N, C-alpha and C. Protein backbone atom coordinates (compact mmCIF):
# COMPACT_ATOMS: atom_id res chain seq x y z
N UNK A 1 -21.09 16.44 5.23
CA UNK A 1 -21.50 15.27 4.22
C UNK A 1 -19.93 14.91 3.72
N UNK A 2 -20.61 13.50 3.48
CA UNK A 2 -18.41 12.68 3.67
C UNK A 2 -18.66 12.34 1.89
N UNK A 3 -17.36 12.19 1.22
CA UNK A 3 -17.36 11.95 -0.27
C UNK A 3 -17.94 10.60 -0.44
N UNK A 4 -18.83 10.83 -1.40
CA UNK A 4 -18.74 9.43 -2.27
C UNK A 4 -20.31 9.05 -1.57
N UNK A 5 -20.91 9.56 -0.57
CA UNK A 5 -22.22 9.53 0.43
C UNK A 5 -23.49 9.82 -0.75
N UNK A 6 -24.24 8.70 -0.76
CA UNK A 6 -25.65 8.44 -1.86
C UNK A 6 -26.71 8.97 -0.86
N UNK A 7 -27.71 9.37 -1.71
CA UNK A 7 -29.12 9.82 -1.23
C UNK A 7 -29.88 8.64 -1.13
N UNK A 8 -30.40 8.30 -0.54
CA UNK A 8 -31.33 7.25 -0.08
C UNK A 8 -32.82 7.39 -0.43
N UNK A 9 -33.88 6.85 -0.77
CA UNK A 9 -34.99 6.57 -0.71
C UNK A 9 -35.48 5.64 -0.07
N UNK A 10 -35.78 5.13 1.02
CA UNK A 10 -36.13 3.92 2.13
C UNK A 10 -37.37 4.37 2.35
N UNK A 11 -38.37 2.84 2.38
CA UNK A 11 -38.99 2.44 2.72
C UNK A 11 -39.49 2.96 4.17
N UNK A 12 -38.61 2.64 5.08
CA UNK A 12 -38.61 2.50 6.73
C UNK A 12 -37.17 2.83 7.11
N UNK A 13 -37.58 3.47 8.31
CA UNK A 13 -36.18 3.73 9.87
C UNK A 13 -35.05 2.31 9.62
N UNK A 14 -35.77 1.65 9.26
CA UNK A 14 -34.62 -0.23 9.20
C UNK A 14 -33.70 0.02 7.73
N UNK A 15 -34.68 0.26 6.67
CA UNK A 15 -33.86 0.52 5.83
C UNK A 15 -32.79 1.27 5.58
N UNK A 16 -32.93 2.65 5.88
CA UNK A 16 -32.70 3.73 5.89
C UNK A 16 -31.19 3.56 6.76
N UNK A 17 -31.10 2.92 8.12
CA UNK A 17 -29.94 2.78 9.02
C UNK A 17 -29.23 1.75 8.18
N UNK A 18 -29.98 0.56 7.69
CA UNK A 18 -28.92 -0.37 6.94
C UNK A 18 -27.89 0.59 5.95
N UNK A 19 -28.83 1.20 5.16
CA UNK A 19 -28.73 1.99 3.76
C UNK A 19 -27.09 2.65 4.65
N UNK A 20 -27.43 2.99 5.39
CA UNK A 20 -26.51 3.95 5.91
C UNK A 20 -24.97 3.67 6.47
N UNK A 21 -25.14 2.06 7.05
CA UNK A 21 -24.39 1.53 7.81
C UNK A 21 -23.69 0.62 6.49
N UNK A 22 -23.86 0.44 5.51
CA UNK A 22 -23.50 -0.27 4.57
C UNK A 22 -22.47 0.91 3.32
N UNK A 23 -23.39 2.03 3.31
CA UNK A 23 -22.38 3.11 2.84
C UNK A 23 -21.75 3.35 3.95
N UNK A 24 -21.10 3.49 4.89
CA UNK A 24 -20.00 3.84 5.53
C UNK A 24 -19.36 2.51 6.16
N UNK A 25 -20.06 1.33 5.75
CA UNK A 25 -18.81 0.07 5.67
C UNK A 25 -17.86 0.61 3.97
N UNK A 26 -18.37 0.38 3.27
CA UNK A 26 -18.15 1.01 1.95
C UNK A 26 -17.44 2.32 1.63
N UNK A 27 -17.31 3.73 2.79
CA UNK A 27 -16.68 4.25 2.58
C UNK A 27 -15.15 4.09 3.02
N UNK A 28 -15.27 3.00 4.36
CA UNK A 28 -13.71 2.48 5.09
C UNK A 28 -13.30 1.42 4.21
N UNK A 29 -14.14 0.60 3.40
CA UNK A 29 -13.43 -0.60 2.56
C UNK A 29 -12.43 0.67 1.63
N UNK A 30 -13.09 1.72 0.64
CA UNK A 30 -12.43 2.72 -0.19
C UNK A 30 -11.53 3.04 0.68
N UNK A 31 -11.07 3.40 1.55
CA UNK A 31 -10.14 4.23 2.51
C UNK A 31 -9.07 2.72 2.46
N UNK A 32 -9.72 2.10 3.30
CA UNK A 32 -8.27 1.44 3.28
C UNK A 32 -7.96 0.78 1.85
N UNK A 33 -8.48 0.24 1.05
CA UNK A 33 -8.10 0.30 -0.30
C UNK A 33 -7.13 1.05 -0.64
N UNK A 34 -7.44 2.24 -0.38
CA UNK A 34 -6.38 3.64 -1.07
C UNK A 34 -4.73 3.52 0.16
N UNK A 35 -5.02 3.12 1.35
CA UNK A 35 -4.15 2.86 1.94
C UNK A 35 -3.27 1.61 1.83
N UNK A 36 -3.99 0.45 1.57
CA UNK A 36 -3.09 -1.01 1.20
C UNK A 36 -2.27 -0.26 0.03
N UNK A 37 -3.09 0.42 -1.37
CA UNK A 37 -2.29 0.79 -2.53
C UNK A 37 -1.00 1.52 -2.07
N UNK A 38 -0.88 2.55 -0.98
CA UNK A 38 0.01 3.42 -1.19
C UNK A 38 1.02 2.79 -0.35
N UNK A 39 0.51 1.84 0.36
CA UNK A 39 1.53 1.06 1.15
C UNK A 39 3.01 -0.43 0.10
N UNK A 40 1.92 -0.79 -0.53
CA UNK A 40 2.13 -1.40 -1.62
C UNK A 40 3.12 -0.68 -2.54
N UNK A 41 2.81 0.40 -3.04
CA UNK A 41 3.77 0.95 -3.65
C UNK A 41 5.48 1.64 -3.04
N UNK A 42 5.13 1.68 -1.53
CA UNK A 42 5.83 2.42 -1.35
C UNK A 42 7.08 1.48 -1.15
N UNK A 43 6.53 -0.12 -0.56
CA UNK A 43 7.41 -1.71 -0.91
C UNK A 43 7.76 -1.62 -1.90
N UNK A 44 7.15 -1.50 -3.01
CA UNK A 44 7.29 -1.72 -4.33
C UNK A 44 8.86 -0.53 -4.80
N UNK A 45 8.92 0.24 -4.34
CA UNK A 45 9.79 1.62 -4.75
C UNK A 45 11.48 1.11 -3.70
N UNK A 46 10.80 0.45 -1.99
CA UNK A 46 11.98 0.30 -1.77
C UNK A 46 12.65 -0.91 -2.27
N UNK A 47 12.08 -1.71 -2.41
CA UNK A 47 12.02 -3.11 -3.22
C UNK A 47 13.10 -2.63 -4.77
N UNK A 48 12.79 -1.26 -5.54
CA UNK A 48 13.50 -1.72 -6.41
C UNK A 48 14.98 -0.84 -6.00
N UNK A 49 15.07 0.16 -5.54
CA UNK A 49 15.80 0.86 -4.29
C UNK A 49 17.19 0.06 -4.18
N UNK A 50 16.83 -1.13 -2.99
CA UNK A 50 17.23 -2.04 -2.69
C UNK A 50 18.36 -2.92 -4.00
N UNK A 51 17.24 -3.49 -5.30
CA UNK A 51 17.88 -4.00 -5.72
C UNK A 51 18.74 -3.25 -7.00
N UNK A 52 18.37 -1.77 -6.96
CA UNK A 52 19.23 -0.94 -8.16
C UNK A 52 20.53 -0.90 -7.02
N UNK A 53 20.42 -1.43 -5.93
CA UNK A 53 21.69 -1.19 -4.98
C UNK A 53 22.51 -2.35 -4.93
N UNK A 54 22.45 -3.35 -5.31
CA UNK A 54 22.99 -4.54 -5.54
C UNK A 54 23.80 -4.72 -6.72
N UNK A 55 24.80 -5.62 -6.42
CA UNK A 55 26.11 -5.74 -7.53
C UNK A 55 26.42 -7.28 -7.39
N UNK A 56 26.85 -8.03 -8.76
CA UNK A 56 27.70 -9.29 -8.70
C UNK A 56 28.61 -9.18 -8.58
N UNK A 57 29.66 -9.88 -7.43
CA UNK A 57 30.92 -9.97 -7.40
C UNK A 57 31.17 -11.37 -7.47
N UNK A 58 32.09 -11.57 -8.06
CA UNK A 58 32.76 -13.16 -8.31
C UNK A 58 33.91 -13.17 -7.78
N UNK A 59 33.85 -14.12 -6.47
CA UNK A 59 35.40 -15.01 -6.40
C UNK A 59 35.51 -16.14 -6.06
N UNK A 60 36.26 -16.73 -7.33
CA UNK A 60 36.45 -17.60 -7.50
C UNK A 60 35.70 -18.24 -8.50
N UNK A 61 35.14 -19.37 -7.73
CA UNK A 61 33.56 -19.62 -9.00
C UNK A 61 32.21 -19.47 -8.59
N UNK A 62 32.19 -19.22 -7.55
CA UNK A 62 31.19 -18.56 -6.93
C UNK A 62 30.96 -16.98 -7.36
N UNK A 63 29.46 -17.19 -7.17
CA UNK A 63 29.28 -15.28 -7.58
C UNK A 63 28.63 -14.80 -6.90
N UNK A 64 29.00 -13.63 -5.57
CA UNK A 64 27.97 -13.37 -4.75
C UNK A 64 27.09 -11.74 -4.95
N UNK A 65 26.19 -12.01 -4.43
CA UNK A 65 25.44 -11.10 -4.45
C UNK A 65 25.37 -10.18 -3.56
N UNK A 66 26.05 -9.14 -3.81
CA UNK A 66 26.39 -7.70 -2.44
C UNK A 66 25.99 -6.74 -2.59
N UNK A 67 26.01 -5.61 -1.30
CA UNK A 67 25.56 -4.54 -1.31
C UNK A 67 26.36 -3.25 -1.89
N UNK A 68 26.21 -2.22 -2.90
CA UNK A 68 27.63 -1.55 -2.81
C UNK A 68 26.53 -0.70 -2.12
N UNK A 69 27.40 0.48 -1.24
CA UNK A 69 26.86 1.78 -0.66
C UNK A 69 28.10 2.59 0.43
N UNK A 70 27.59 2.66 0.70
CA UNK A 70 28.10 4.26 1.59
C UNK A 70 28.55 3.43 3.18
N UNK A 71 28.19 2.24 3.45
CA UNK A 71 28.90 1.34 4.23
C UNK A 71 27.04 1.07 5.52
N UNK A 72 27.00 0.64 6.69
CA UNK A 72 26.05 0.24 6.95
C UNK A 72 24.82 1.58 7.66
N UNK A 73 25.77 2.34 8.64
CA UNK A 73 24.85 3.11 9.16
C UNK A 73 24.43 4.66 8.15
N UNK A 74 24.89 5.09 6.96
CA UNK A 74 24.79 6.29 6.19
C UNK A 74 24.34 5.28 5.73
N UNK A 75 22.44 5.63 4.95
CA UNK A 75 22.01 5.37 3.64
C UNK A 75 22.41 6.18 2.62
N UNK A 76 21.70 5.56 1.22
CA UNK A 76 22.38 5.55 0.10
C UNK A 76 23.29 5.33 -0.80
């Protein structure tokens, strides 16, 4: 049995099929939502990481937004 599956007391086979279909959909939706949350979290983390490596550099009157780091190739 799948997690979060409900037991249906239905009057007809058609109703049972519909209920099963809906349940399957609900499970798929839940899984995709969890996946989306995870993706969003990882993106947010990456953005935070980038922001932490950024720094302001003044050149003359202009202020530039540059990345500090160990060059382009090596991460960190």
